[in-house]
Amino acid sequence: GGLVFCSRSVYRNMLGRSTMKAAAAMRTAAPAMARMPAQVSAAAVSGDRNMANVKALRMRLASVKSIQRITKTMKMVAAAKLKGFQTRMMAARPLGVSMDKILAEIPAPGDEEVAGADMTHLIVPITSDRGLCGGVNSAVSKAVKVLDNELKGEKYIAILGNKGEALLKRTHGQMIKRVITEIYLNPTSFALASEIAEELSSIQQYDKAHIVYNRFKSAIAYDTLCDEVESTDAMADRMAQFTEKYEFEDEFTESLHMSDMMQFILASKVYSRLLESATSETSARMGAMENATKNCGEMVDKLTLVMNRARQAVITQELGEIVSGAAAVESK
C-alpha cells in the first residue's frame, strides 16, 4: 500500500512540474505565437491548394495519355484499312469511266433543258456514318448548299450516311426525303450499290440526280465533286437518237432496255463514288488521328512541366516550414 501511495505522489509531483514548465513556455512564446496564426494559416491553405493542383494535374495527365493511346490505335487501324479501300477503289474507277463514255454518246441537252426551271432534282450527298475524320463531311454539306442555290425547280435530298443528316437537317430539313445509314457496315459491293440505286429511284420521281462525294487524290488530299445522272424519262427524245444505231424488237423492249441501262449507270456511279468517299474518309481519319496524337503528346509535355513545378512548390514550401520550425526551436 505504501509503495502505491509513493508512486502516485511521485507521479503527481512530476505532472505538476511539467505543467508549470509548459505554462512558462507558453507565457514566453505568447508574443511570437500571436504573430504566427495568420502566416501558418496562409501557409497551410497554400500547401493544400498546391497539393490539390498536383492531384488534379496528375489525373488530367493520365486522361490525356489515355486519349493519346486511343488516337494512336485509331490511326493504325485507319492506315491498315486504307490499303484495302484504295485497292478496291482503283479497281472500280474504270467502271465509272466506262459509264461516262456511254453517257457521252447520248446527245447533250439543249439550252432550254439545261436551264429548265420545271425540272426535279435529286441531290445525293455521300457522307460517313462515323466522325473523327477531318472535314470530309462538312465539305460535302457545303457543296450541297452551294448546289441548292444554283439549281432551279423542285429539289429533294437523299442522304447516304449518318453525318450528312446532322449537318443538313437544320438548314435543309424540309428537303430531306430519305437517310440511308450503315452503308459502310460491310465491305462495299456492287450489290449494295444496286440496292441503294433502286431505293433512290423509288424515293422521288426526278429528272436529274446529283451525286456529291469526295474523290480521293492522295493520303492527304481529296476533291469534293458532283456527278450528274439523268433519268430515262427526262431524256426520252435524246435517248431515241441514241438508240437509232441499235435494233430492238419493239418500242416496249427498247424503253425497257434503256431504263435498265440508266439504272445500271446510276448503280455503277453510286458504287464507284461510295468507294471514293470511303477511301477519302479513311485517309482523312488517319491524318486527323495523327494530328490528335501529336497534339496529345504536346499537351502531355506541357502538363508534365506544370505538374513538376507544382510538386516542386509543395516540396519547397514544406522545406521552408521545417526550417522555420527548427529556427523557432533553436531560438528558445
Protein backbone atom coordinates (compact mmCIF):
# COMPACT_ATOMS: atom_id res chain seq x y z
CA GLY A 1 0.00 0.00 0.00
CA GLY A 2 2.82 2.42 0.84
CA LEU A 3 4.52 1.68 -2.42
CA VAL A 4 1.43 2.58 -4.41
CA PHE A 5 0.98 5.78 -2.42
CA CYS A 6 4.60 6.74 -3.07
CA SER A 7 4.26 6.10 -6.82
CA ARG A 8 1.15 8.26 -7.04
CA SER A 9 2.90 11.03 -5.15
CA VAL A 10 5.88 10.90 -7.47
CA TYR A 11 3.56 10.94 -10.48
CA ARG A 12 1.67 13.97 -9.14
CA ASN A 13 4.93 15.83 -8.47
CA MET A 14 6.24 15.11 -11.98
CA LEU A 15 2.94 16.15 -13.56
CA GLY A 16 2.94 19.38 -11.57
CA ARG A 17 6.48 20.27 -12.61
CA SER A 18 5.68 19.52 -16.31
CA THR A 19 2.55 21.65 -16.18
CA MET A 20 4.47 24.56 -14.66
CA LYS A 21 7.19 24.31 -17.33
CA ALA A 22 4.59 24.15 -20.14
CA ALA A 23 2.80 27.19 -18.74
CA ALA A 24 6.10 29.11 -18.51
CA ALA A 25 6.96 28.13 -22.11
CA MET A 26 3.54 29.29 -23.25
CA ARG A 27 3.95 32.65 -21.50
CA THR A 28 7.41 33.06 -23.10
CA ALA A 29 6.24 32.14 -26.59
CA ALA A 30 2.94 34.01 -26.39
CA PRO A 31 4.15 37.18 -28.24
CA ALA A 32 5.64 35.11 -31.08
CA MET A 33 2.60 32.86 -31.33
CA ALA A 34 0.35 35.88 -31.53
CA ARG A 35 2.09 36.86 -34.75
CA MET A 36 2.15 33.33 -36.27
CA PRO A 37 -1.50 32.25 -36.79
CA ALA A 38 -2.09 34.27 -39.98
CA GLN A 39 1.19 33.07 -41.50
CA VAL A 40 0.62 29.43 -40.50
CA SER A 41 -2.98 29.53 -41.78
CA ALA A 42 -1.92 31.09 -45.09
CA ALA A 43 0.87 28.53 -45.49
CA ALA A 44 -1.50 25.66 -44.72
CA VAL A 45 -4.07 26.91 -47.25
CA SER A 46 -1.35 27.40 -49.86
CA GLY A 47 0.01 23.94 -49.24
CA ASP A 48 -3.43 22.36 -49.55
CA ARG A 49 -4.03 24.27 -52.77
CA ASN A 50 -0.72 23.13 -54.25
CA MET A 51 -1.41 19.53 -53.30
CA ALA A 52 -4.87 19.78 -54.88
CA ASN A 53 -3.32 21.21 -58.04
CA VAL A 54 -0.81 18.36 -58.21
CA LYS A 55 -3.58 15.78 -57.81
CA ALA A 56 -5.75 17.43 -60.48
CA LEU A 57 -2.83 17.70 -62.86
CA ARG A 58 -1.91 14.06 -62.31
CA MET A 59 -5.48 12.99 -63.13
CA ARG A 60 -5.59 15.20 -66.22
CA LEU A 61 -2.22 13.88 -67.37
CA ALA A 62 -3.45 10.29 -67.08
CA SER A 63 -6.59 11.21 -69.06
CA VAL A 64 -4.59 12.82 -71.89
CA LYS A 65 -2.26 9.82 -72.06
CA SER A 66 -5.28 7.52 -72.33
CA ILE A 67 -6.69 9.62 -75.17
CA GLN A 68 -3.30 9.56 -76.87
CA ARG A 69 -3.25 5.76 -76.81
CA ILE A 70 -6.77 5.66 -78.31
CA THR A 71 -5.95 8.10 -81.13
CA LYS A 72 -2.73 6.26 -81.92
CA THR A 73 -4.64 2.99 -82.18
CA MET A 74 -7.30 4.58 -84.41
CA LYS A 75 -4.58 5.93 -86.69
CA MET A 76 -3.04 2.46 -87.04
CA VAL A 77 -6.46 0.90 -87.78
CA ALA A 78 -7.22 3.57 -90.41
CA ALA A 79 -3.82 3.03 -92.04
CA ALA A 80 -4.50 -0.71 -92.24
CA LYS A 81 -7.95 -0.16 -93.78
CA LEU A 82 -6.75 2.48 -96.24
CA LYS A 83 -4.81 -0.02 -98.36
CA GLY A 84 -7.87 -2.25 -98.82
CA PHE A 85 -10.18 0.65 -99.68
CA GLN A 86 -7.63 2.10 -102.09
CA THR A 87 -7.22 -1.23 -103.90
CA ARG A 88 -11.00 -1.66 -104.38
CA MET A 89 -11.39 1.99 -105.38
CA MET A 90 -8.74 1.76 -108.10
CA ALA A 91 -10.40 -1.42 -109.41
CA ALA A 92 -13.81 0.34 -109.57
CA ARG A 93 -12.63 3.54 -111.28
CA PRO A 94 -12.62 2.02 -114.81
CA LEU A 95 -16.30 1.15 -114.31
CA GLY A 96 -17.14 4.78 -113.63
CA VAL A 97 -15.10 5.87 -116.65
CA SER A 98 -16.96 3.38 -118.86
CA MET A 99 -20.31 4.77 -117.70
CA ASP A 100 -19.13 8.29 -118.54
CA LYS A 101 -18.26 7.13 -122.08
CA ILE A 102 -21.75 5.64 -122.53
CA LEU A 103 -23.38 8.86 -121.32
CA ALA A 104 -21.15 10.87 -123.66
CA GLU A 105 -22.71 9.04 -126.64
CA ILE A 106 -26.17 10.32 -125.72
CA PRO A 107 -26.83 13.74 -127.33
CA ALA A 108 -26.33 16.66 -124.98
CA PRO A 109 -29.40 18.52 -123.72
CA GLY A 110 -30.41 21.79 -125.29
CA ASP A 111 -30.19 25.16 -123.63
CA GLU A 112 -33.86 25.07 -122.65
CA GLU A 113 -33.40 21.70 -120.91
CA VAL A 114 -30.25 22.85 -119.09
CA ALA A 115 -31.94 25.99 -117.76
CA GLY A 116 -35.31 24.30 -117.25
CA ALA A 117 -36.98 25.64 -114.11
CA ASP A 118 -39.57 22.87 -114.08
CA MET A 119 -37.04 20.06 -113.57
CA THR A 120 -36.97 17.91 -110.46
CA HIS A 121 -33.53 17.40 -108.92
CA LEU A 122 -32.47 14.67 -106.51
CA ILE A 123 -29.32 15.59 -104.57
CA VAL A 124 -27.45 12.58 -103.14
CA PRO A 125 -24.67 13.58 -100.71
CA ILE A 126 -22.38 10.70 -99.69
CA THR A 127 -21.16 11.14 -96.11
CA SER A 128 -19.78 8.88 -93.38
CA ASP A 129 -21.54 7.05 -90.57
CA ARG A 130 -18.83 7.98 -88.05
CA GLY A 131 -16.97 11.15 -87.18
CA LEU A 132 -13.34 11.90 -86.29
CA CYS A 133 -12.42 12.09 -89.97
CA GLY A 134 -11.48 15.72 -90.52
CA GLY A 135 -13.59 17.86 -92.82
CA VAL A 136 -14.83 15.29 -95.35
CA ASN A 137 -18.47 15.55 -94.22
CA SER A 138 -18.51 19.33 -93.86
CA ALA A 139 -17.04 19.67 -97.37
CA VAL A 140 -19.89 17.59 -98.81
CA SER A 141 -22.53 19.57 -96.88
CA LYS A 142 -21.08 22.87 -98.12
CA ALA A 143 -21.15 21.59 -101.69
CA VAL A 144 -24.80 20.56 -101.26
CA LYS A 145 -25.71 24.04 -100.02
CA VAL A 146 -23.94 25.67 -102.99
CA LEU A 147 -25.67 23.27 -105.39
CA ASP A 148 -29.05 24.03 -103.83
CA ASN A 149 -28.57 27.74 -104.53
CA GLU A 150 -27.55 27.09 -108.15
CA LEU A 151 -30.30 24.65 -109.16
CA LYS A 152 -33.78 25.73 -110.23
CA GLY A 153 -37.02 23.83 -109.87
CA GLU A 154 -38.00 21.28 -107.25
CA LYS A 155 -35.15 19.83 -105.20
CA TYR A 156 -35.03 16.85 -102.87
CA ILE A 157 -32.22 15.31 -100.84
CA ALA A 158 -31.47 11.65 -100.16
CA ILE A 159 -28.52 11.33 -97.77
CA LEU A 160 -26.13 8.39 -97.63
CA GLY A 161 -24.54 8.24 -94.16
CA ASN A 162 -25.46 9.47 -90.67
CA LYS A 163 -23.30 12.59 -90.56
CA GLY A 164 -24.95 14.23 -93.55
CA GLU A 165 -28.29 14.38 -91.76
CA ALA A 166 -26.75 16.11 -88.73
CA LEU A 167 -25.12 18.74 -90.97
CA LEU A 168 -28.11 19.42 -93.25
CA LYS A 169 -31.15 18.82 -91.05
CA ARG A 170 -31.24 22.33 -89.59
CA THR A 171 -30.99 24.23 -92.90
CA HIS A 172 -32.46 21.74 -95.39
CA GLY A 173 -34.62 19.53 -93.18
CA GLN A 174 -37.74 20.06 -95.31
CA MET A 175 -35.92 18.82 -98.42
CA ILE A 176 -34.61 15.56 -96.92
CA LYS A 177 -36.66 12.63 -98.20
CA ARG A 178 -34.54 9.69 -97.07
CA VAL A 179 -31.45 8.93 -94.98
CA ILE A 180 -29.70 5.62 -95.74
CA THR A 181 -27.30 4.61 -92.96
CA GLU A 182 -24.88 1.79 -92.14
CA ILE A 183 -23.68 1.65 -95.74
CA TYR A 184 -20.11 1.00 -94.59
CA LEU A 185 -21.04 -1.67 -92.06
CA ASN A 186 -19.97 -4.36 -94.54
CA PRO A 187 -17.41 -4.12 -97.37
CA THR A 188 -18.80 -2.01 -100.21
CA SER A 189 -20.12 -4.18 -103.03
CA PHE A 190 -21.95 -3.65 -106.32
CA ALA A 191 -24.96 -5.47 -104.88
CA LEU A 192 -25.20 -2.86 -102.13
CA ALA A 193 -24.85 -0.05 -104.68
CA SER A 194 -27.63 -1.61 -106.77
CA GLU A 195 -29.96 -1.70 -103.77
CA ILE A 196 -29.14 1.94 -102.99
CA ALA A 197 -29.77 2.95 -106.62
CA GLU A 198 -33.13 1.15 -106.59
CA GLU A 199 -34.00 2.88 -103.32
CA LEU A 200 -33.07 6.27 -104.77
CA SER A 201 -35.25 5.67 -107.82
CA SER A 202 -38.25 4.83 -105.64
CA ILE A 203 -37.91 7.84 -103.31
CA GLN A 204 -38.99 10.53 -105.74
CA GLN A 205 -39.58 10.81 -109.48
CA TYR A 206 -36.71 13.00 -110.64
CA ASP A 207 -35.29 14.36 -113.87
CA LYS A 208 -31.67 14.55 -112.78
CA ALA A 209 -29.71 13.07 -109.87
CA HIS A 210 -26.68 14.87 -108.44
CA ILE A 211 -24.21 12.68 -106.52
CA VAL A 212 -21.98 14.79 -104.25
CA TYR A 213 -18.91 12.94 -102.99
CA ASN A 214 -15.21 13.24 -102.13
CA ARG A 215 -12.81 11.99 -104.82
CA PHE A 216 -9.62 10.51 -103.38
CA LYS A 217 -6.38 12.12 -104.59
CA SER A 218 -3.76 11.07 -102.05
CA ALA A 219 -3.42 10.18 -98.38
CA ILE A 220 -3.57 13.89 -97.51
CA ALA A 221 -5.85 15.34 -100.20
CA TYR A 222 -9.29 14.85 -101.80
CA ASP A 223 -11.62 16.82 -104.06
CA THR A 224 -15.35 17.37 -103.47
CA LEU A 225 -17.15 16.78 -106.78
CA CYS A 226 -20.67 16.35 -108.16
CA ASP A 227 -21.76 13.75 -110.74
CA GLU A 228 -24.99 14.12 -112.69
CA VAL A 229 -27.16 11.24 -113.90
CA GLU A 230 -30.35 11.97 -115.81
CA SER A 231 -33.40 9.76 -115.67
CA THR A 232 -34.69 7.91 -118.72
CA ASP A 233 -37.89 9.96 -118.80
CA ALA A 234 -36.01 13.25 -118.74
CA MET A 235 -34.03 12.43 -121.87
CA ALA A 236 -36.56 10.35 -123.82
CA ASP A 237 -36.17 12.40 -127.00
CA ARG A 238 -32.39 12.30 -126.87
CA MET A 239 -32.44 8.61 -126.00
CA ALA A 240 -34.34 7.95 -129.23
CA GLN A 241 -31.48 9.47 -131.20
CA PHE A 242 -29.03 7.31 -129.23
CA THR A 243 -30.94 4.07 -129.97
CA GLU A 244 -31.17 4.67 -133.71
CA LYS A 245 -27.95 2.70 -134.24
CA TYR A 246 -29.34 -0.31 -132.34
CA GLU A 247 -32.12 -2.69 -133.28
CA PHE A 248 -34.91 -3.69 -130.88
CA GLU A 249 -37.93 -5.93 -131.31
CA ASP A 250 -40.39 -3.20 -130.41
CA GLU A 251 -40.68 0.11 -128.59
CA PHE A 252 -41.52 -1.52 -125.28
CA THR A 253 -38.32 -3.60 -125.37
CA GLU A 254 -36.36 -0.52 -126.36
CA SER A 255 -37.69 1.59 -123.47
CA LEU A 256 -37.18 -1.32 -121.05
CA HIS A 257 -33.56 -1.80 -122.06
CA MET A 258 -32.84 1.93 -121.90
CA SER A 259 -34.42 2.15 -118.45
CA ASP A 260 -32.32 -0.80 -117.26
CA MET A 261 -29.22 0.79 -118.76
CA MET A 262 -29.77 4.08 -116.92
CA GLN A 263 -30.44 2.16 -113.70
CA PHE A 264 -27.17 0.27 -114.22
CA ILE A 265 -25.33 3.53 -114.86
CA LEU A 266 -26.74 5.00 -111.63
CA ALA A 267 -25.74 1.88 -109.65
CA SER A 268 -22.23 1.95 -111.18
CA LYS A 269 -21.86 5.63 -110.29
CA VAL A 270 -23.04 5.02 -106.74
CA TYR A 271 -20.65 2.05 -106.37
CA SER A 272 -17.54 3.88 -107.56
CA ARG A 273 -18.45 7.06 -105.62
CA LEU A 274 -19.05 5.09 -102.43
CA LEU A 275 -15.55 3.63 -102.69
CA GLU A 276 -14.07 7.07 -103.44
CA SER A 277 -15.83 8.54 -100.39
CA ALA A 278 -14.85 5.62 -98.12
CA THR A 279 -11.20 5.91 -99.15
CA SER A 280 -11.21 9.69 -98.62
CA GLU A 281 -12.86 9.24 -95.22
CA THR A 282 -10.29 6.65 -94.11
CA SER A 283 -7.32 8.75 -95.25
CA ALA A 284 -8.79 11.83 -93.55
CA ARG A 285 -9.34 9.84 -90.33
CA MET A 286 -5.74 8.64 -90.42
CA GLY A 287 -4.50 12.22 -90.78
CA ALA A 288 -6.86 13.53 -88.09
CA MET A 289 -5.79 10.85 -85.60
CA GLU A 290 -2.13 11.52 -86.36
CA ASN A 291 -2.64 15.21 -85.60
CA ALA A 292 -4.61 14.34 -82.46
CA THR A 293 -1.83 12.03 -81.26
CA LYS A 294 0.74 14.75 -81.88
CA ASN A 295 -1.36 17.32 -80.01
CA CYS A 296 -1.78 14.90 -77.09
CA GLY A 297 2.00 14.47 -76.95
CA GLU A 298 2.50 18.23 -76.78
CA MET A 299 -0.17 18.51 -74.07
CA VAL A 300 1.47 15.71 -72.07
CA ASP A 301 4.78 17.57 -72.16
CA LYS A 302 3.16 20.82 -71.00
CA LEU A 303 1.13 19.15 -68.25
CA THR A 304 4.20 17.25 -67.04
CA LEU A 305 6.14 20.52 -66.78
CA VAL A 306 3.30 22.27 -64.91
CA MET A 307 2.84 19.30 -62.56
CA ASN A 308 6.57 19.16 -61.78
CA ARG A 309 6.52 22.86 -60.97
CA ALA A 310 3.54 22.39 -58.64
CA ARG A 311 5.25 19.45 -56.93
CA GLN A 312 8.43 21.50 -56.54
CA ALA A 313 6.40 24.31 -55.00
CA VAL A 314 4.93 21.90 -52.44
CA ILE A 315 8.36 20.48 -51.60
CA THR A 316 9.88 23.95 -51.29
CA GLN A 317 7.07 25.08 -49.01
CA GLU A 318 7.44 22.03 -46.78
CA LEU A 319 11.20 22.57 -46.54
CA GLY A 320 10.59 26.21 -45.62
CA GLU A 321 8.18 25.17 -42.85
CA ILE A 322 10.71 22.66 -41.49
CA VAL A 323 13.48 25.25 -41.48
CA SER A 324 11.23 27.85 -39.82
CA GLY A 325 10.20 25.34 -37.15
CA ALA A 326 13.82 24.37 -36.48
CA ALA A 327 14.83 28.02 -36.21
CA ALA A 328 11.98 28.69 -33.77
CA VAL A 329 13.07 25.77 -31.58
CA GLU A 330 16.70 26.89 -31.56
CA SER A 331 15.76 30.46 -30.66
CA LYS A 332 14.20 29.19 -27.45
